[in-house]
């Protein structure tokens, strides 16, 4: 057979019906090894996303054991995604340069070791430090997983399905966190939620070298340490400033921190625009399919993490469910999130993104509205219904948005583009607790009625957190304790109504952004 035969055959394949060509590419380009690699890449995805939400359920146990303040509670949750978000772009760029598989292996090793240290942290300060270290190594994991999918699945239809599975794993991990946390906390100490990383990452370290080829930018630019520092300096102060304003008002250094972060971010953008080989090609944000999809990810995750933050406490401390029962109450929403992420793949071939994504986000807005209208009380039915609606919307929207982000970037810069997607996710995780959590805490402290007979220490503990109020109520005589517990429940649920209405606004804003920015995205884009 001469050399012209396969070329002519290839030409005939490219001229047939696009649907037939896509099906042919699936048969030719998706060997079992590629799908096995996808399964392996799901391990760190599940782990990191579980880690974002599992502490919401472990927080009552941590509060009892380590007695953190309200600010420390937020930092225990936020230290990890804050560091992770600040370093994602730098680590994604490092993966493009030094090898995405190599970064995945280094990050997995460090994450497992630090997880053991976090499990046995003796103080709230030590746990915050361990969470920050987890963020450092976690930043090596996430851009690598998504960018390696770009290298393994070169056909867009295959890649869309692979990303749907990847996004479903991310969503599943976020929702599995409370269930896994509940099961572990039912039988073990709170440190067990961190030890979970070890059995997950050990098989990854063994299988990644066997199944996944190395992938890197063939022509990387010079190392830019200044941009690395600027990317972290832009993220950290902004998030700190938002947290400070939410908890302390304008009396702290919130405004100054935000100014510093914005200045660093402006410098970072200016430096990338001038660079011949930028760490992050910020010009990508001019494309609606990229910038709009990033904003959809950001708003969606703020809503998801904020929801899990207050619902986990409501189910355990107000409804009185055990950690396992509280986690099981969220299983229907978890299933809906996974199903929606997979079901949207064939729909995305036929429905334009500026119609599909806003429609999905409207369902999420409806979920938050259900909480605002019906969740004040002891019934779990409104929470289950709300999470199903929220899960369907976010599961579908994030599958489409992640695929658009990755497809909009050049293959050589897949790591940096993936890092932007993950930065939006992690920043959303920070803001979900920093903004919604802080607003809820402020509303709770302002409306709870604390008996005048309490000591100053008891009064401060009761006003700081719902867990603190419940603990103080248990120390009081029955009638007085019941009155404090009832007041705390009403104050907390009143705050939930306020934050739920904000969640509705976030989802509506995300839907409007998607409708405007994704207008030029074609369903057949390759």
Protein backbone atom coordinates (compact mmCIF):
# COMPACT_ATOMS: atom_id res chain seq x y z
CA UNK A 1 0.00 0.00 0.00
CA UNK A 2 1.52 3.34 -1.04
CA UNK A 3 1.63 6.47 1.10
CA UNK A 4 -1.18 8.18 -0.77
CA UNK A 5 -3.81 5.66 0.22
CA UNK A 6 -4.21 6.64 3.87
CA UNK A 7 -4.11 10.32 2.92
CA UNK A 8 -6.95 9.91 0.46
CA UNK A 9 -8.83 7.85 3.00
CA UNK A 10 -8.39 10.59 5.58
CA UNK A 11 -9.74 13.15 3.10
CA UNK A 12 -12.83 11.04 2.49
CA UNK A 13 -13.46 10.81 6.24
CA UNK A 14 -13.27 14.57 6.63
CA UNK A 15 -15.88 15.06 3.91
CA UNK A 16 -18.58 12.82 5.32
CA UNK A 17 -21.42 13.95 7.55
CA UNK A 18 -20.00 15.68 10.67
CA UNK A 19 -21.95 13.35 12.93
CA UNK A 20 -20.43 10.31 11.23
CA UNK A 21 -16.99 11.86 11.48
CA UNK A 22 -17.45 12.47 15.19
CA UNK A 23 -18.53 8.88 15.73
CA UNK A 24 -15.59 7.64 13.69
CA UNK A 25 -13.20 9.77 15.76
CA UNK A 26 -14.58 8.23 18.96
CA UNK A 27 -13.81 4.74 17.65
CA UNK A 28 -10.32 5.67 16.49
CA UNK A 29 -9.16 8.22 19.04
CA UNK A 30 -10.50 6.94 22.34
CA UNK A 31 -8.58 3.77 23.28
CA UNK A 32 -9.23 2.10 26.59
CA UNK A 33 -5.98 3.50 27.91
CA UNK A 34 -7.31 7.05 27.51
CA UNK A 35 -10.47 6.32 29.47
CA UNK A 36 -8.45 4.48 32.12
CA UNK A 37 -6.30 7.62 32.38
CA UNK A 38 -9.47 9.64 32.91
CA UNK A 39 -10.43 7.40 35.82
CA UNK A 40 -7.02 7.99 37.43
CA UNK A 41 -7.26 11.74 36.89
CA UNK A 42 -10.60 11.70 38.70
CA UNK A 43 -8.89 10.72 41.97
CA UNK A 44 -7.31 14.12 42.75
CA UNK A 45 -10.42 15.88 41.42
CA UNK A 46 -12.63 14.04 43.88
CA UNK A 47 -10.14 14.52 46.70
CA UNK A 48 -9.63 18.28 46.29
CA UNK A 49 -13.33 18.97 45.79
CA UNK A 50 -14.27 16.81 48.80
CA UNK A 51 -11.70 18.75 50.81
CA UNK A 52 -13.46 22.01 49.94
CA UNK A 53 -16.74 21.01 51.59
CA UNK A 54 -16.00 18.18 54.02
CA UNK A 55 -14.98 20.68 56.72
CA UNK A 56 -18.44 22.21 56.66
CA UNK A 57 -19.64 19.06 58.38
CA UNK A 58 -16.52 18.57 60.48
CA UNK A 59 -16.67 22.16 61.75
CA UNK A 60 -18.95 21.44 64.74
CA UNK A 61 -16.55 18.74 65.97
CA UNK A 62 -13.51 20.98 65.36
CA UNK A 63 -15.26 23.84 67.18
CA UNK A 64 -15.83 21.61 70.19
CA UNK A 65 -12.28 20.21 70.24
CA UNK A 66 -10.12 23.21 69.29
CA UNK A 67 -12.49 26.05 70.34
CA UNK A 68 -11.67 28.39 67.45
CA UNK A 69 -13.13 31.87 67.27
CA UNK A 70 -15.62 32.75 64.53
CA UNK A 71 -12.80 34.30 62.48
CA UNK A 72 -10.62 31.22 62.96
CA UNK A 73 -13.48 28.98 61.86
CA UNK A 74 -13.67 30.88 58.59
CA UNK A 75 -9.90 30.74 58.17
CA UNK A 76 -9.84 26.99 58.83
CA UNK A 77 -12.10 26.64 55.81
CA UNK A 78 -10.66 29.49 53.73
CA UNK A 79 -6.87 29.09 54.21
CA UNK A 80 -6.82 26.13 51.84
CA UNK A 81 -8.74 27.55 48.87
CA UNK A 82 -7.16 31.00 49.37
CA UNK A 83 -3.58 29.72 48.94
CA UNK A 84 -4.70 27.30 46.26
CA UNK A 85 -6.43 30.03 44.25
CA UNK A 86 -3.47 32.38 44.58
CA UNK A 87 -1.01 29.80 43.22
CA UNK A 88 -3.10 28.05 40.57
CA UNK A 89 -2.01 30.23 37.65
CA UNK A 90 1.65 29.97 38.67
CA UNK A 91 1.43 26.20 39.12
CA UNK A 92 -0.49 25.78 35.87
CA UNK A 93 2.25 27.69 34.06
CA UNK A 94 4.90 25.59 35.84
CA UNK A 95 3.15 22.46 34.59
CA UNK A 96 3.22 23.79 31.04
CA UNK A 97 6.97 24.34 31.42
CA UNK A 98 8.23 21.44 33.54
CA UNK A 99 5.63 18.79 32.76
CA UNK A 100 2.02 18.47 33.84
CA UNK A 101 2.40 14.85 34.91
CA UNK A 102 5.45 15.72 37.01
CA UNK A 103 3.56 18.48 38.81
CA UNK A 104 0.67 16.09 39.44
CA UNK A 105 2.99 13.56 41.09
CA UNK A 106 4.81 16.16 43.23
CA UNK A 107 1.53 17.70 44.33
CA UNK A 108 0.01 14.32 45.20
CA UNK A 109 2.96 13.36 47.38
CA UNK A 110 2.97 16.65 49.27
CA UNK A 111 -0.79 16.68 49.67
CA UNK A 112 -0.79 13.22 51.26
CA UNK A 113 1.98 14.07 53.72
CA UNK A 114 0.46 17.37 54.84
CA UNK A 115 -2.96 15.74 55.21
CA UNK A 116 -1.50 13.51 57.93
CA UNK A 117 -0.17 16.60 59.73
CA UNK A 118 -3.57 18.32 59.49
CA UNK A 119 -5.32 15.27 60.94
CA UNK A 120 -3.38 15.61 64.18
CA UNK A 121 -3.24 19.42 64.46
CA UNK A 122 -3.33 20.30 68.19
CA UNK A 123 -4.59 23.89 67.85
CA UNK A 124 -6.72 26.00 65.55
CA UNK A 125 -3.60 27.91 64.44
CA UNK A 126 -1.83 24.67 63.51
CA UNK A 127 -4.84 23.48 61.54
CA UNK A 128 -5.00 26.78 59.64
CA UNK A 129 -1.29 26.40 58.79
CA UNK A 130 -1.79 22.84 57.60
CA UNK A 131 -4.73 23.91 55.45
CA UNK A 132 -2.54 26.58 53.85
CA UNK A 133 0.13 23.97 53.06
CA UNK A 134 -2.55 21.74 51.54
CA UNK A 135 -3.47 24.66 49.31
CA UNK A 136 0.14 24.90 48.09
CA UNK A 137 0.26 21.26 46.97
CA UNK A 138 -3.35 21.27 45.83
CA UNK A 139 -2.44 24.03 43.38
CA UNK A 140 -0.17 21.52 41.64
CA UNK A 141 -2.96 18.96 41.27
CA UNK A 142 -5.93 20.67 39.70
CA UNK A 143 -4.49 22.44 36.61
CA UNK A 144 -2.62 19.25 35.78
CA UNK A 145 -5.73 17.07 35.73
CA UNK A 146 -7.75 19.29 33.39
CA UNK A 147 -4.86 20.18 31.08
CA UNK A 148 -3.84 16.52 30.77
CA UNK A 149 -7.36 15.82 29.50
CA UNK A 150 -6.63 18.23 26.66
CA UNK A 151 -3.54 16.20 25.76
CA UNK A 152 -5.23 12.79 26.07
CA UNK A 153 -8.52 13.63 24.28
CA UNK A 154 -7.77 15.56 21.08
CA UNK A 155 -11.24 15.23 19.52
CA UNK A 156 -13.68 17.82 20.84
CA UNK A 157 -16.66 15.46 21.20
CA UNK A 158 -14.55 13.01 23.19
CA UNK A 159 -13.09 15.87 25.21
CA UNK A 160 -16.53 17.28 25.96
CA UNK A 161 -17.61 13.91 27.38
CA UNK A 162 -14.36 13.56 29.33
CA UNK A 163 -14.76 17.06 30.77
CA UNK A 164 -18.38 16.28 31.64
CA UNK A 165 -17.18 13.29 33.63
CA UNK A 166 -14.41 15.43 35.16
CA UNK A 167 -16.85 18.21 36.07
CA UNK A 168 -19.29 15.66 37.46
CA UNK A 169 -16.49 14.34 39.63
CA UNK A 170 -15.78 17.85 40.84
CA UNK A 171 -19.43 18.44 41.59
CA UNK A 172 -19.76 14.99 43.13
CA UNK A 173 -16.78 15.62 45.37
CA UNK A 174 -18.23 18.92 46.56
CA UNK A 175 -21.48 17.24 47.48
CA UNK A 176 -19.84 14.02 48.71
CA UNK A 177 -17.84 16.02 51.24
CA UNK A 178 -20.70 16.26 53.72
CA UNK A 179 -21.66 12.58 53.25
CA UNK A 180 -18.09 11.31 53.56
CA UNK A 181 -17.53 13.64 56.48
CA UNK A 182 -20.70 12.40 58.13
CA UNK A 183 -19.75 8.77 57.78
CA UNK A 184 -16.26 9.37 59.14
CA UNK A 185 -17.37 11.62 61.98
CA UNK A 186 -19.95 9.07 63.04
CA UNK A 187 -17.16 6.65 63.95
CA UNK A 188 -13.88 8.60 64.13
CA UNK A 189 -12.42 11.92 65.26
CA UNK A 190 -12.52 14.96 62.98
CA UNK A 191 -8.93 14.33 61.84
CA UNK A 192 -10.17 11.36 59.82
CA UNK A 193 -11.51 13.70 57.12
CA UNK A 194 -7.90 14.62 56.31
CA UNK A 195 -6.52 11.08 56.46
CA UNK A 196 -8.90 10.25 53.62
CA UNK A 197 -6.29 11.70 51.22
CA UNK A 198 -3.77 8.94 51.84
CA UNK A 199 -5.67 5.91 50.42
CA UNK A 200 -6.85 8.06 47.49
CA UNK A 201 -3.43 9.38 46.46
CA UNK A 202 -1.37 6.20 46.89
CA UNK A 203 -2.96 4.42 43.87
CA UNK A 204 -2.67 7.65 41.88
CA UNK A 205 1.08 7.76 42.45
CA UNK A 206 1.34 4.17 41.23
CA UNK A 207 -0.91 4.44 38.15
CA UNK A 208 -0.16 7.88 36.72
CA UNK A 209 3.32 6.92 35.39
CA UNK A 210 1.82 3.83 33.73
CA UNK A 211 -1.23 5.37 32.06
CA UNK A 212 -0.60 9.06 31.44
CA UNK A 213 2.11 10.42 29.12
CA UNK A 214 4.06 13.52 30.01
CA UNK A 215 2.74 16.73 28.49
CA UNK A 216 4.31 20.20 28.37
CA UNK A 217 4.62 23.37 26.33
CA UNK A 218 7.21 22.63 23.58
CA UNK A 219 8.40 26.25 23.56
CA UNK A 220 8.02 27.73 27.06
CA UNK A 221 9.10 31.26 27.78
CA UNK A 222 11.45 32.30 30.56
CA UNK A 223 10.52 31.77 34.20
CA UNK A 224 8.70 34.85 35.52
CA UNK A 225 9.05 34.95 39.30
CA UNK A 226 7.67 38.49 39.48
CA UNK A 227 4.40 37.38 37.86
CA UNK A 228 4.21 34.43 40.25
CA UNK A 229 4.46 36.78 43.25
CA UNK A 230 1.99 39.22 41.70
CA UNK A 231 -0.61 36.49 41.08
CA UNK A 232 -0.53 35.57 44.78
CA UNK A 233 -0.40 39.21 45.88
CA UNK A 234 -3.50 39.95 43.83
CA UNK A 235 -5.61 37.11 45.22
CA UNK A 236 -4.72 37.09 48.91
CA UNK A 237 -5.34 40.73 49.86
CA UNK A 238 -8.61 40.93 47.90
CA UNK A 239 -10.09 37.91 49.63
CA UNK A 240 -8.79 39.05 53.01
CA UNK A 241 -10.32 42.47 52.42
CA UNK A 242 -13.72 41.00 51.56
CA UNK A 243 -13.61 38.84 54.69
CA UNK A 244 -12.55 41.80 56.85
CA UNK A 245 -15.32 44.08 55.58
CA UNK A 246 -17.92 41.33 56.00
CA UNK A 247 -16.94 40.67 59.64
CA UNK A 248 -15.57 44.00 60.91
CA UNK A 249 -17.14 46.55 58.60
CA UNK A 250 -14.96 49.47 57.52
CA UNK A 251 -13.07 49.65 60.82
CA UNK A 252 -10.40 47.10 59.85
CA UNK A 253 -7.96 47.03 56.96
CA UNK A 254 -10.38 45.56 54.43
CA UNK A 255 -10.43 48.52 52.04
CA UNK A 256 -6.64 48.90 52.14
CA UNK A 257 -6.16 45.18 51.47
CA UNK A 258 -8.48 45.29 48.46
CA UNK A 259 -6.61 48.32 47.08
CA UNK A 260 -3.31 46.42 47.42
CA UNK A 261 -4.78 43.36 45.71
CA UNK A 262 -6.26 45.37 42.85
CA UNK A 263 -2.94 47.18 42.37
CA UNK A 264 -1.06 43.88 42.25
CA UNK A 265 -3.63 42.45 39.84
CA UNK A 266 -3.34 45.49 37.58
CA UNK A 267 0.45 45.15 37.56
CA UNK A 268 0.10 41.43 36.79
CA UNK A 269 -2.20 42.09 33.82
CA UNK A 270 0.05 44.85 32.50
CA UNK A 271 3.08 42.58 32.76
CA UNK A 272 1.32 39.76 30.90
CA UNK A 273 0.28 42.11 28.09
CA UNK A 274 3.86 43.30 27.62
CA UNK A 275 5.41 39.83 27.79
CA UNK A 276 6.29 37.94 24.61
CA UNK A 277 5.58 34.69 26.49
CA UNK A 278 3.09 35.52 29.27
CA UNK A 279 2.38 33.23 32.19
CA UNK A 280 -1.30 33.80 31.43
CA UNK A 281 -2.52 35.20 28.12
CA UNK A 282 -5.03 37.67 29.54
CA UNK A 283 -6.19 38.46 25.99
CA UNK A 284 -8.18 35.23 26.22
CA UNK A 285 -10.65 37.09 28.42
CA UNK A 286 -11.70 39.13 25.40
CA UNK A 287 -13.34 35.99 24.03
CA UNK A 288 -16.85 35.56 25.32
CA UNK A 289 -16.45 31.80 25.39
CA UNK A 290 -13.53 32.18 27.81
CA UNK A 291 -14.27 35.19 30.00
CA UNK A 292 -17.98 34.46 30.25
CA UNK A 293 -17.38 30.81 31.13
CA UNK A 294 -14.92 31.80 33.87
CA UNK A 295 -17.49 34.13 35.44
CA UNK A 296 -20.15 31.42 35.29
CA UNK A 297 -17.80 29.09 37.19
CA UNK A 298 -17.09 31.76 39.79
CA UNK A 299 -20.72 32.62 40.54
CA UNK A 300 -21.80 28.98 40.50
CA UNK A 301 -19.23 27.86 43.05
CA UNK A 302 -19.92 30.82 45.36
CA UNK A 303 -23.54 29.69 45.41
CA UNK A 304 -22.72 25.98 45.88
CA UNK A 305 -20.17 26.35 48.67
CA UNK A 306 -22.20 29.01 50.46
CA UNK A 307 -25.22 26.71 50.35
CA UNK A 308 -23.31 23.77 51.83
CA UNK A 309 -21.75 26.02 54.49
CA UNK A 310 -25.05 26.96 56.12
CA UNK A 311 -27.10 23.87 55.26
CA UNK A 312 -24.62 21.53 56.97
CA UNK A 313 -24.95 23.50 60.20
CA UNK A 314 -28.74 23.79 59.91
CA UNK A 315 -29.21 20.04 59.47
CA UNK A 316 -26.97 19.08 62.38
CA UNK A 317 -27.43 21.84 64.94
CA UNK A 318 -31.05 22.89 64.34
CA UNK A 319 -32.81 19.90 62.80
CA UNK A 320 -30.73 17.61 65.04
CA UNK A 321 -29.59 15.08 62.43
CA UNK A 322 -26.44 13.04 62.94
CA UNK A 323 -23.55 13.77 60.55
CA UNK A 324 -24.40 10.67 58.49
CA UNK A 325 -28.10 11.48 58.27
CA UNK A 326 -27.32 15.08 57.34
CA UNK A 327 -25.00 13.89 54.58
CA UNK A 328 -27.60 11.44 53.28
CA UNK A 329 -30.15 14.25 53.05
CA UNK A 330 -27.96 15.79 50.34
CA UNK A 331 -27.57 12.60 48.26
CA UNK A 332 -30.50 13.39 45.91
CA UNK A 333 -28.87 16.69 45.02
CA UNK A 334 -25.56 14.94 44.49
CA UNK A 335 -27.14 12.44 42.10
CA UNK A 336 -28.94 15.25 40.26
CA UNK A 337 -25.68 17.19 39.88
CA UNK A 338 -23.83 14.24 38.37
CA UNK A 339 -26.73 13.28 36.09
CA UNK A 340 -27.14 16.84 34.83
CA UNK A 341 -23.43 17.15 34.06
CA UNK A 342 -23.51 14.02 31.89
CA UNK A 343 -26.93 14.60 30.33
CA UNK A 344 -25.98 18.06 29.12
CA UNK A 345 -23.29 16.69 26.75
CA UNK A 346 -25.62 15.68 23.87
CA UNK A 347 -27.82 18.73 24.55
CA UNK A 348 -24.80 21.05 24.16
CA UNK A 349 -24.36 19.85 20.57
CA UNK A 350 -27.78 21.22 19.61
CA UNK A 351 -28.56 24.10 21.99
CA UNK A 352 -26.55 27.31 21.97
CA UNK A 353 -24.50 28.03 25.09
CA UNK A 354 -26.14 31.42 25.64
CA UNK A 355 -29.49 29.62 25.98
CA UNK A 356 -28.39 26.41 27.71
CA UNK A 357 -26.24 27.90 30.47
CA UNK A 358 -28.70 30.64 31.58
CA UNK A 359 -31.51 28.09 31.64
CA UNK A 360 -29.46 25.84 33.91
CA UNK A 361 -28.56 28.71 36.21
CA UNK A 362 -32.22 29.72 36.47
CA UNK A 363 -32.87 26.33 38.09
CA UNK A 364 -30.12 27.05 40.62
CA UNK A 365 -31.72 30.41 41.41
CA UNK A 366 -35.01 28.59 41.99
CA UNK A 367 -33.22 26.30 44.45
CA UNK A 368 -32.03 29.22 46.54
CA UNK A 369 -35.49 30.75 46.40
CA UNK A 370 -36.95 27.56 47.88
CA UNK A 371 -34.55 27.88 50.82
CA UNK A 372 -35.44 31.55 51.34
CA UNK A 373 -39.18 30.81 51.39
CA UNK A 374 -39.48 27.46 53.15
CA UNK A 375 -36.33 26.45 55.07
CA UNK A 376 -37.12 28.26 58.35
CA UNK A 377 -38.10 25.30 60.51
CA UNK A 378 -37.38 21.66 61.23
CA UNK A 379 -38.36 20.07 57.91
CA UNK A 380 -35.61 18.82 55.60
CA UNK A 381 -37.86 18.55 52.51
CA UNK A 382 -37.23 22.15 51.32
CA UNK A 383 -33.47 21.61 51.67
CA UNK A 384 -33.58 18.39 49.64
CA UNK A 385 -35.66 20.01 46.88
CA UNK A 386 -33.49 23.12 46.87
CA UNK A 387 -30.27 21.13 46.55
CA UNK A 388 -31.68 19.07 43.67
CA UNK A 389 -32.53 22.27 41.77
CA UNK A 390 -29.18 23.83 42.62
CA UNK A 391 -27.34 20.65 41.64
CA UNK A 392 -29.04 20.30 38.26
CA UNK A 393 -28.26 23.90 37.37
CA UNK A 394 -24.65 23.93 38.50
CA UNK A 395 -23.88 20.45 37.14
CA UNK A 396 -25.05 21.39 33.64
CA UNK A 397 -23.58 24.91 33.61
CA UNK A 398 -20.11 23.91 34.80
CA UNK A 399 -19.75 21.09 32.27
CA UNK A 400 -20.38 23.54 29.43
CA UNK A 401 -18.30 26.35 30.90
CA UNK A 402 -15.25 24.19 31.64
CA UNK A 403 -15.28 22.77 28.11
CA UNK A 404 -15.49 26.28 26.65
CA UNK A 405 -12.55 27.47 28.76
CA UNK A 406 -10.31 24.61 27.67
CA UNK A 407 -11.33 24.75 23.99
CA UNK A 408 -10.71 28.50 23.79
CA UNK A 409 -7.03 28.24 24.75
CA UNK A 410 -4.08 27.04 22.61
CA UNK A 411 -3.10 23.43 23.45
CA UNK A 412 0.42 24.51 24.53
CA UNK A 413 -1.12 26.79 27.20
CA UNK A 414 -3.65 24.26 28.45
CA UNK A 415 -2.15 24.28 31.94
CA UNK A 416 -2.48 28.03 32.39
CA UNK A 417 -6.01 28.03 30.92
CA UNK A 418 -7.01 25.16 33.19
CA UNK A 419 -5.57 27.10 36.11
CA UNK A 420 -7.90 30.00 35.33
CA UNK A 421 -10.87 27.63 35.48
CA UNK A 422 -9.64 26.24 38.79
CA UNK A 423 -8.88 29.72 40.11
CA UNK A 424 -12.49 30.68 39.49
CA UNK A 425 -13.58 27.55 41.35
CA UNK A 426 -11.31 28.10 44.33
CA UNK A 427 -11.98 31.83 44.52
CA UNK A 428 -15.66 30.95 44.48
CA UNK A 429 -15.07 28.53 47.34
CA UNK A 430 -13.35 31.27 49.32
CA UNK A 431 -16.01 33.86 48.60
CA UNK A 432 -18.81 31.39 49.29
CA UNK A 433 -17.73 31.20 52.92
CA UNK A 434 -16.06 34.61 53.22
CA UNK A 435 -19.01 36.61 51.89
CA UNK A 436 -22.10 34.47 52.48
CA UNK A 437 -20.63 32.94 55.65
CA UNK A 438 -19.63 36.31 57.06
CA UNK A 439 -22.99 37.89 56.27
CA UNK A 440 -24.70 34.96 57.95
CA UNK A 441 -22.43 35.27 61.02
CA UNK A 442 -23.06 39.02 61.27
CA UNK A 443 -26.83 38.55 60.97
CA UNK A 444 -26.73 35.79 63.58
CA UNK A 445 -24.78 37.88 66.09
CA UNK A 446 -27.10 40.86 65.60
CA UNK A 447 -30.37 38.97 66.10
CA UNK A 448 -29.69 36.24 68.69
CA UNK A 449 -31.15 36.99 72.13
CA UNK A 450 -28.61 36.06 74.79
CA UNK A 451 -29.82 35.77 78.43
CA UNK A 452 -28.38 38.49 80.66
CA UNK A 453 -27.32 35.94 83.31
CA UNK A 454 -24.55 34.53 81.09
CA UNK A 455 -20.93 35.28 81.80
CA UNK A 456 -19.03 37.46 79.34
CA UNK A 457 -17.27 34.37 77.97
CA UNK A 458 -20.53 32.48 77.50
CA UNK A 459 -22.18 35.48 75.90
CA UNK A 460 -19.32 35.96 73.43
CA UNK A 461 -19.30 32.26 72.52
CA UNK A 462 -23.06 32.23 71.99
CA UNK A 463 -22.95 35.26 69.71
CA UNK A 464 -20.00 34.11 67.62
CA UNK A 465 -21.32 30.89 66.09
CA UNK A 466 -24.33 28.61 66.09
CA UNK A 467 -22.15 25.78 67.41
CA UNK A 468 -21.03 28.02 70.26
CA UNK A 469 -24.61 28.94 71.13
CA UNK A 470 -25.65 25.28 71.16
CA UNK A 471 -22.69 24.39 73.38
CA UNK A 472 -23.49 27.20 75.85
CA UNK A 473 -27.17 26.18 75.87
CA UNK A 474 -26.11 22.71 76.97
CA UNK A 475 -24.35 24.17 80.01
CA UNK A 476 -27.45 26.06 81.25
CA UNK A 477 -30.51 24.92 83.21
CA UNK A 478 -33.05 23.21 80.97
CA UNK A 479 -35.52 26.08 80.54
CA UNK A 480 -32.87 28.75 80.04
CA UNK A 481 -30.87 26.53 77.71
CA UNK A 482 -33.93 25.75 75.61
CA UNK A 483 -34.69 29.46 75.29
CA UNK A 484 -31.15 30.22 74.11
CA UNK A 485 -31.18 27.29 71.66
CA UNK A 486 -34.51 28.43 70.20
CA UNK A 487 -33.29 31.99 69.83
CA UNK A 488 -30.09 30.77 68.16
CA UNK A 489 -32.06 28.62 65.72
CA UNK A 490 -34.33 31.53 64.74
CA UNK A 491 -31.38 33.91 64.41
CA UNK A 492 -29.46 31.44 62.24
CA UNK A 493 -32.41 30.65 59.99
CA UNK A 494 -33.11 34.36 59.65
CA UNK A 495 -29.57 34.77 58.39
CA UNK A 496 -30.08 31.84 56.05
CA UNK A 497 -33.04 33.64 54.46
CA UNK A 498 -30.88 36.71 53.82
CA UNK A 499 -27.98 34.73 52.35
CA UNK A 500 -30.37 32.65 50.24
CA UNK A 501 -31.79 35.79 48.66
CA UNK A 502 -28.22 36.85 47.90
CA UNK A 503 -27.73 33.40 46.34
CA UNK A 504 -30.74 34.03 44.10
CA UNK A 505 -29.13 37.28 42.99
CA UNK A 506 -25.81 35.55 42.26
CA UNK A 507 -27.46 32.94 40.06
CA UNK A 508 -29.51 35.54 38.20
CA UNK A 509 -26.34 37.61 37.66
CA UNK A 510 -24.50 34.55 36.35
CA UNK A 511 -27.38 33.78 33.97
CA UNK A 512 -27.32 37.33 32.59
CA UNK A 513 -23.53 37.18 32.15
CA UNK A 514 -23.84 33.87 30.28
CA UNK A 515 -26.64 35.13 28.05
CA UNK A 516 -24.61 38.21 27.05
CA UNK A 517 -21.07 36.81 26.76
CA UNK A 518 -21.80 33.44 25.15
CA UNK A 519 -23.90 34.76 22.25
CA UNK A 520 -21.21 34.10 19.65
CA UNK A 521 -20.41 30.56 20.78
CA UNK A 522 -21.51 28.05 18.15
CA UNK A 523 -22.74 24.58 19.08
CA UNK A 524 -20.49 23.13 16.35
CA UNK A 525 -17.32 24.99 17.37
CA UNK A 526 -14.24 22.79 17.11
